[in-house]
Amino acid sequence: MDVLTNVEVVPATPGLWTRLGRVFGPREKNPDSCWCQRFRRHDALNNRTALRREFEESEAPVGLLALVDGEVAGWTRVVPRATLPGILNNRALARLFDDQADAWWVSCFVVRREYRGAGLGVTLLRGAVDWAFESGAAALDGHPVDVAALRRAPAPSAVFTGTLAMFRQAGFTEIARTCPSRPVMRRERNGPPRCSI
């Protein structure tokens, strides 16, 4: 597929909730599917309800949507790192970070099957950088997969945190690895990336 040029990246506001589900494909019908709750904790009935509650009750949008000709084609969660217990409590990640209150995290990407391979993930990631910095972030981090370090090609669901290539294209720099195939990538608002290890 050619690189898409008619993409608009917008905040995931409550009015767009009814259009979000399509991006999850067949999993849209399963409320217990991930629904971007992998790094969160909630007391909702299911993951879909938890994400809907976030859409409706969060002071600021918790993610961005990629629209292609007005149709939702992709989603990414980008939020302050402090709101993601699954990141904060991960021992391999925790040793890398200080208590930087204004650090943000981009945790996942979902791109509809028919739009994969057209650069939509990179477009969403660049939008995440802009959104985080406009919202006051000093740094934006992520934990993608280095596909080249794997023994075989991963399933699409295994790269939900993005790929190293995506993050490099969006101007991120590697600051550490938690294992051979999992780099920690960073974009800072000003200056070169710094590592706190």
C-alpha atoms as a PDB file:
ATOM      1  CA  MET A   1       0.000   0.000   0.000  1.00  0.00           C
ATOM      2  CA  ASP A   2       1.227   3.496  -0.799  1.00  0.00           C
ATOM      3  CA  VAL A   3       1.911   5.947   2.014  1.00  0.00           C
ATOM      4  CA  LEU A   4      -1.305   7.722   2.937  1.00  0.00           C
ATOM      5  CA  THR A   5      -1.391  11.477   2.456  1.00  0.00           C
ATOM      6  CA  ASN A   6      -5.013  12.222   3.371  1.00  0.00           C
ATOM      7  CA  VAL A   7      -4.674  11.505   7.120  1.00  0.00           C
ATOM      8  CA  GLU A   8      -5.875  13.744   9.919  1.00  0.00           C
ATOM      9  CA  VAL A   9      -4.756  12.993  13.486  1.00  0.00           C
ATOM     10  CA  VAL A  10      -7.221  14.269  16.080  1.00  0.00           C
ATOM     11  CA  PRO A  11      -7.719  13.968  19.857  1.00  0.00           C
ATOM     12  CA  ALA A  12      -9.991  11.081  20.861  1.00  0.00           C
ATOM     13  CA  THR A  13     -12.912  13.093  22.203  1.00  0.00           C
ATOM     14  CA  PRO A  14     -16.186  11.634  23.557  1.00  0.00           C
ATOM     15  CA  GLY A  15     -18.035  12.437  20.322  1.00  0.00           C
ATOM     16  CA  LEU A  16     -15.755  10.052  18.432  1.00  0.00           C
ATOM     17  CA  TRP A  17     -16.327   7.080  20.745  1.00  0.00           C
ATOM     18  CA  THR A  18     -18.925   5.381  18.537  1.00  0.00           C
ATOM     19  CA  ARG A  19     -16.473   5.409  15.622  1.00  0.00           C
ATOM     20  CA  LEU A  20     -13.484   4.050  17.559  1.00  0.00           C
ATOM     21  CA  GLY A  21     -14.611   0.417  17.791  1.00  0.00           C
ATOM     22  CA  ARG A  22     -14.128  -0.270  14.102  1.00  0.00           C
ATOM     23  CA  VAL A  23     -10.382   0.167  14.444  1.00  0.00           C
ATOM     24  CA  PHE A  24     -10.274  -2.994  16.618  1.00  0.00           C
ATOM     25  CA  GLY A  25     -11.681  -5.161  13.819  1.00  0.00           C
ATOM     26  CA  PRO A  26     -13.304  -8.424  14.985  1.00  0.00           C
ATOM     27  CA  ARG A  27     -12.275  -7.623  18.582  1.00  0.00           C
ATOM     28  CA  GLU A  28     -14.778  -4.754  18.562  1.00  0.00           C
ATOM     29  CA  LYS A  29     -17.476  -7.274  19.513  1.00  0.00           C
ATOM     30  CA  ASN A  30     -15.479  -8.565  22.507  1.00  0.00           C
ATOM     31  CA  PRO A  31     -15.682  -6.189  25.498  1.00  0.00           C
ATOM     32  CA  ASP A  32     -13.013  -8.224  27.296  1.00  0.00           C
ATOM     33  CA  SER A  33     -10.461  -7.747  24.536  1.00  0.00           C
ATOM     34  CA  CYS A  34      -7.591  -5.406  25.399  1.00  0.00           C
ATOM     35  CA  TRP A  35      -9.281  -2.093  24.458  1.00  0.00           C
ATOM     36  CA  CYS A  36      -5.983  -0.415  25.308  1.00  0.00           C
ATOM     37  CA  GLN A  37      -6.116  -1.329  28.999  1.00  0.00           C
ATOM     38  CA  ARG A  38      -2.907  -3.393  29.102  1.00  0.00           C
ATOM     39  CA  PHE A  39      -1.017  -0.902  31.285  1.00  0.00           C
ATOM     40  CA  ARG A  40      -3.991   0.412  33.262  1.00  0.00           C
ATOM     41  CA  ARG A  41      -5.947  -0.706  36.300  1.00  0.00           C
ATOM     42  CA  HIS A  42      -9.716  -0.275  36.488  1.00  0.00           C
ATOM     43  CA  ASP A  43     -12.824  -1.444  38.279  1.00  0.00           C
ATOM     44  CA  ALA A  44     -15.133  -1.342  35.257  1.00  0.00           C
ATOM     45  CA  LEU A  45     -17.229  -4.295  34.127  1.00  0.00           C
ATOM     46  CA  ASN A  46     -14.878  -4.916  31.184  1.00  0.00           C
ATOM     47  CA  ASN A  47     -12.084  -3.277  29.197  1.00  0.00           C
ATOM     48  CA  ARG A  48     -14.386  -1.649  26.635  1.00  0.00           C
ATOM     49  CA  THR A  49     -16.392  -0.007  29.413  1.00  0.00           C
ATOM     50  CA  ALA A  50     -13.148   1.166  31.050  1.00  0.00           C
ATOM     51  CA  LEU A  51     -11.957   2.850  27.854  1.00  0.00           C
ATOM     52  CA  ARG A  52     -15.358   4.397  27.253  1.00  0.00           C
ATOM     53  CA  ARG A  53     -15.296   5.795  30.789  1.00  0.00           C
ATOM     54  CA  GLU A  54     -11.879   7.296  30.049  1.00  0.00           C
ATOM     55  CA  PHE A  55     -13.212   8.892  26.874  1.00  0.00           C
ATOM     56  CA  GLU A  56     -16.128  10.422  28.748  1.00  0.00           C
ATOM     57  CA  GLU A  57     -14.571  11.354  32.096  1.00  0.00           C
ATOM     58  CA  SER A  58     -10.910  12.247  31.502  1.00  0.00           C
ATOM     59  CA  GLU A  59     -10.075  15.931  31.697  1.00  0.00           C
ATOM     60  CA  ALA A  60      -8.028  15.602  28.508  1.00  0.00           C
ATOM     61  CA  PRO A  61      -8.212  13.003  25.723  1.00  0.00           C
ATOM     62  CA  VAL A  62      -6.232   9.838  26.496  1.00  0.00           C
ATOM     63  CA  GLY A  63      -5.298   9.184  22.898  1.00  0.00           C
ATOM     64  CA  LEU A  64      -5.420  10.175  19.286  1.00  0.00           C
ATOM     65  CA  LEU A  65      -7.316   8.884  16.285  1.00  0.00           C
ATOM     66  CA  ALA A  66      -6.104   8.802  12.706  1.00  0.00           C
ATOM     67  CA  LEU A  67      -8.858   9.633  10.241  1.00  0.00           C
ATOM     68  CA  VAL A  68      -8.543   8.730   6.564  1.00  0.00           C
ATOM     69  CA  ASP A  69     -11.156  10.551   4.520  1.00  0.00           C
ATOM     70  CA  GLY A  70     -13.041  11.080   7.786  1.00  0.00           C
ATOM     71  CA  GLU A  71     -13.067   7.343   8.642  1.00  0.00           C
ATOM     72  CA  VAL A  72     -11.307   6.139  11.817  1.00  0.00           C
ATOM     73  CA  ALA A  73      -8.301   4.118  10.658  1.00  0.00           C
ATOM     74  CA  GLY A  74      -5.993   4.068  13.697  1.00  0.00           C
ATOM     75  CA  TRP A  75      -5.653   4.792  17.400  1.00  0.00           C
ATOM     76  CA  THR A  76      -2.839   5.421  19.872  1.00  0.00           C
ATOM     77  CA  ARG A  77      -2.825   6.018  23.623  1.00  0.00           C
ATOM     78  CA  VAL A  78      -0.564   8.896  24.695  1.00  0.00           C
ATOM     79  CA  VAL A  79      -0.764  10.032  28.322  1.00  0.00           C
ATOM     80  CA  PRO A  80       1.377  11.100  31.270  1.00  0.00           C
ATOM     81  CA  ARG A  81       3.518   8.145  32.315  1.00  0.00           C
ATOM     82  CA  ALA A  82       2.270   8.520  35.902  1.00  0.00           C
ATOM     83  CA  THR A  83      -1.223   7.382  34.793  1.00  0.00           C
ATOM     84  CA  LEU A  84      -0.014   3.947  33.681  1.00  0.00           C
ATOM     85  CA  PRO A  85       0.577   1.596  36.649  1.00  0.00           C
ATOM     86  CA  GLY A  86       1.669  -1.182  34.312  1.00  0.00           C
ATOM     87  CA  ILE A  87       4.608   0.968  33.193  1.00  0.00           C
ATOM     88  CA  LEU A  88       5.461   2.415  36.606  1.00  0.00           C
ATOM     89  CA  ASN A  89       5.413  -1.007  38.290  1.00  0.00           C
ATOM     90  CA  ASN A  90       7.413  -2.793  35.597  1.00  0.00           C
ATOM     91  CA  ARG A  91      10.777  -3.431  37.272  1.00  0.00           C
ATOM     92  CA  ALA A  92      12.760  -3.484  34.037  1.00  0.00           C
ATOM     93  CA  LEU A  93      11.347  -0.090  33.054  1.00  0.00           C
ATOM     94  CA  ALA A  94      11.276   1.466  36.526  1.00  0.00           C
ATOM     95  CA  ARG A  95      15.059   1.272  36.871  1.00  0.00           C
ATOM     96  CA  LEU A  96      15.403   3.533  33.833  1.00  0.00           C
ATOM     97  CA  PHE A  97      13.245   6.423  34.935  1.00  0.00           C
ATOM     98  CA  ASP A  98      13.366   9.123  37.537  1.00  0.00           C
ATOM     99  CA  ASP A  99      10.169  10.600  38.980  1.00  0.00           C
ATOM    100  CA  GLN A 100       9.812  13.076  36.134  1.00  0.00           C
ATOM    101  CA  ALA A 101       6.213  14.224  36.550  1.00  0.00           C
ATOM    102  CA  ASP A 102       6.056  15.741  33.084  1.00  0.00           C
ATOM    103  CA  ALA A 103       7.198  12.594  31.224  1.00  0.00           C
ATOM    104  CA  TRP A 104       4.595  11.060  28.930  1.00  0.00           C
ATOM    105  CA  TRP A 105       4.247   7.591  27.430  1.00  0.00           C
ATOM    106  CA  VAL A 106       2.889   6.308  24.137  1.00  0.00           C
ATOM    107  CA  SER A 107       1.714   2.822  24.984  1.00  0.00           C
ATOM    108  CA  CYS A 108      -0.064   1.254  22.041  1.00  0.00           C
ATOM    109  CA  PHE A 109      -1.095   1.477  18.419  1.00  0.00           C
ATOM    110  CA  VAL A 110      -4.011  -0.068  16.600  1.00  0.00           C
ATOM    111  CA  VAL A 111      -4.294   0.276  12.827  1.00  0.00           C
ATOM    112  CA  ARG A 112      -7.139  -1.217  10.826  1.00  0.00           C
ATOM    113  CA  ARG A 113      -5.991  -4.106   8.688  1.00  0.00           C
ATOM    114  CA  GLU A 114      -6.698  -2.369   5.374  1.00  0.00           C
ATOM    115  CA  TYR A 115      -4.433   0.560   6.316  1.00  0.00           C
ATOM    116  CA  ARG A 116      -1.421  -1.387   7.564  1.00  0.00           C
ATOM    117  CA  GLY A 117       1.857  -0.875   5.754  1.00  0.00           C
ATOM    118  CA  ALA A 118       0.972   2.668   4.666  1.00  0.00           C
ATOM    119  CA  GLY A 119       2.822   4.616   7.357  1.00  0.00           C
ATOM    120  CA  LEU A 120      -0.209   5.246   9.559  1.00  0.00           C
ATOM    121  CA  GLY A 121       1.616   4.137  12.715  1.00  0.00           C
ATOM    122  CA  VAL A 122       4.384   6.678  12.123  1.00  0.00           C
ATOM    123  CA  THR A 123       1.795   9.375  11.416  1.00  0.00           C
ATOM    124  CA  LEU A 124       0.061   8.563  14.717  1.00  0.00           C
ATOM    125  CA  LEU A 125       3.390   8.589  16.558  1.00  0.00           C
ATOM    126  CA  ARG A 126       4.321  11.995  15.152  1.00  0.00           C
ATOM    127  CA  GLY A 127       0.891  13.222  16.218  1.00  0.00           C
ATOM    128  CA  ALA A 128       1.552  11.786  19.686  1.00  0.00           C
ATOM    129  CA  VAL A 129       4.790  13.769  19.915  1.00  0.00           C
ATOM    130  CA  ASP A 130       2.989  16.995  19.003  1.00  0.00           C
ATOM    131  CA  TRP A 131       0.090  16.263  21.380  1.00  0.00           C
ATOM    132  CA  ALA A 132       2.363  15.415  24.320  1.00  0.00           C
ATOM    133  CA  PHE A 133       4.529  18.501  23.908  1.00  0.00           C
ATOM    134  CA  GLU A 134       1.528  20.790  23.378  1.00  0.00           C
ATOM    135  CA  SER A 135       0.119  19.325  26.610  1.00  0.00           C
ATOM    136  CA  GLY A 136       3.253  20.144  28.617  1.00  0.00           C
ATOM    137  CA  ALA A 137       5.343  16.973  28.376  1.00  0.00           C
ATOM    138  CA  ALA A 138       9.080  17.389  28.728  1.00  0.00           C
ATOM    139  CA  ALA A 139       9.703  13.954  27.201  1.00  0.00           C
ATOM    140  CA  LEU A 140       7.751  11.235  25.442  1.00  0.00           C
ATOM    141  CA  ASP A 141       8.848   7.620  25.846  1.00  0.00           C
ATOM    142  CA  GLY A 142       7.793   4.310  24.346  1.00  0.00           C
ATOM    143  CA  HIS A 143       8.791   0.646  24.464  1.00  0.00           C
ATOM    144  CA  PRO A 144       8.539  -0.738  20.925  1.00  0.00           C
ATOM    145  CA  VAL A 145       9.701  -4.033  19.451  1.00  0.00           C
ATOM    146  CA  ASP A 146      12.943  -4.337  17.493  1.00  0.00           C
ATOM    147  CA  VAL A 147      11.632  -6.701  14.844  1.00  0.00           C
ATOM    148  CA  ALA A 148      15.149  -7.304  13.470  1.00  0.00           C
ATOM    149  CA  ALA A 149      16.193  -8.776  16.825  1.00  0.00           C
ATOM    150  CA  LEU A 150      13.460 -11.442  16.728  1.00  0.00           C
ATOM    151  CA  ARG A 151      14.025 -14.958  15.399  1.00  0.00           C
ATOM    152  CA  ARG A 152      10.892 -14.848  13.275  1.00  0.00           C
ATOM    153  CA  ALA A 153       8.360 -12.311  12.082  1.00  0.00           C
ATOM    154  CA  PRO A 154       5.948 -11.354  14.859  1.00  0.00           C
ATOM    155  CA  ALA A 155       2.164 -11.456  14.645  1.00  0.00           C
ATOM    156  CA  PRO A 156       0.592  -7.992  14.281  1.00  0.00           C
ATOM    157  CA  SER A 157      -0.786  -8.250  17.825  1.00  0.00           C
ATOM    158  CA  ALA A 158       2.771  -8.712  19.155  1.00  0.00           C
ATOM    159  CA  VAL A 159       3.857  -5.255  17.990  1.00  0.00           C
ATOM    160  CA  PHE A 160       1.009  -3.268  19.551  1.00  0.00           C
ATOM    161  CA  THR A 161       3.589  -1.026  21.269  1.00  0.00           C
ATOM    162  CA  GLY A 162       5.029  -0.063  17.875  1.00  0.00           C
ATOM    163  CA  THR A 163       8.280  -0.967  16.177  1.00  0.00           C
ATOM    164  CA  LEU A 164      11.786   0.405  16.508  1.00  0.00           C
ATOM    165  CA  ALA A 165      11.631   1.550  12.869  1.00  0.00           C
ATOM    166  CA  MET A 166       8.479   3.609  13.558  1.00  0.00           C
ATOM    167  CA  PHE A 167      10.067   5.348  16.525  1.00  0.00           C
ATOM    168  CA  ARG A 168      13.270   6.106  14.617  1.00  0.00           C
ATOM    169  CA  GLN A 169      11.252   7.605  11.749  1.00  0.00           C
ATOM    170  CA  ALA A 170       9.488   9.838  14.269  1.00  0.00           C
ATOM    171  CA  GLY A 171      12.793  11.155  15.648  1.00  0.00           C
ATOM    172  CA  PHE A 172      13.080   9.076  18.842  1.00  0.00           C
ATOM    173  CA  THR A 173      16.426   7.917  20.227  1.00  0.00           C
ATOM    174  CA  GLU A 174      17.113   4.674  22.044  1.00  0.00           C
ATOM    175  CA  ILE A 175      18.059   5.189  25.693  1.00  0.00           C
ATOM    176  CA  ALA A 176      18.214   1.567  26.904  1.00  0.00           C
ATOM    177  CA  ARG A 177      16.880  -1.949  26.361  1.00  0.00           C
ATOM    178  CA  THR A 178      14.905  -4.115  28.753  1.00  0.00           C
ATOM    179  CA  CYS A 179      15.800  -7.187  26.678  1.00  0.00           C
ATOM    180  CA  PRO A 180      17.485  -7.683  23.275  1.00  0.00           C
ATOM    181  CA  SER A 181      14.312  -7.015  21.274  1.00  0.00           C
ATOM    182  CA  ARG A 182      12.764  -4.260  23.460  1.00  0.00           C
ATOM    183  CA  PRO A 183      14.368  -0.804  23.236  1.00  0.00           C
ATOM    184  CA  VAL A 184      13.149   2.112  25.302  1.00  0.00           C
ATOM    185  CA  MET A 185      12.830   5.120  23.006  1.00  0.00           C
ATOM    186  CA  ARG A 186      12.656   8.809  23.921  1.00  0.00           C
ATOM    187  CA  ARG A 187      11.894  12.176  22.345  1.00  0.00           C
ATOM    188  CA  GLU A 188      12.649  15.213  24.463  1.00  0.00           C
ATOM    189  CA  ARG A 189      11.101  18.602  24.000  1.00  0.00           C
ATOM    190  CA  ASN A 190      14.508  20.306  24.082  1.00  0.00           C
ATOM    191  CA  GLY A 191      18.002  18.999  23.619  1.00  0.00           C
ATOM    192  CA  PRO A 192      19.332  15.492  23.091  1.00  0.00           C
ATOM    193  CA  PRO A 193      17.731  12.536  24.880  1.00  0.00           C
ATOM    194  CA  ARG A 194      19.115  11.879  28.339  1.00  0.00           C
ATOM    195  CA  CYS A 195      19.305   8.565  30.093  1.00  0.00           C
ATOM    196  CA  SER A 196      18.741   8.316  33.813  1.00  0.00           C
ATOM    197  CA  ILE A 197      20.511   4.977  34.333  1.00  0.00           C
END
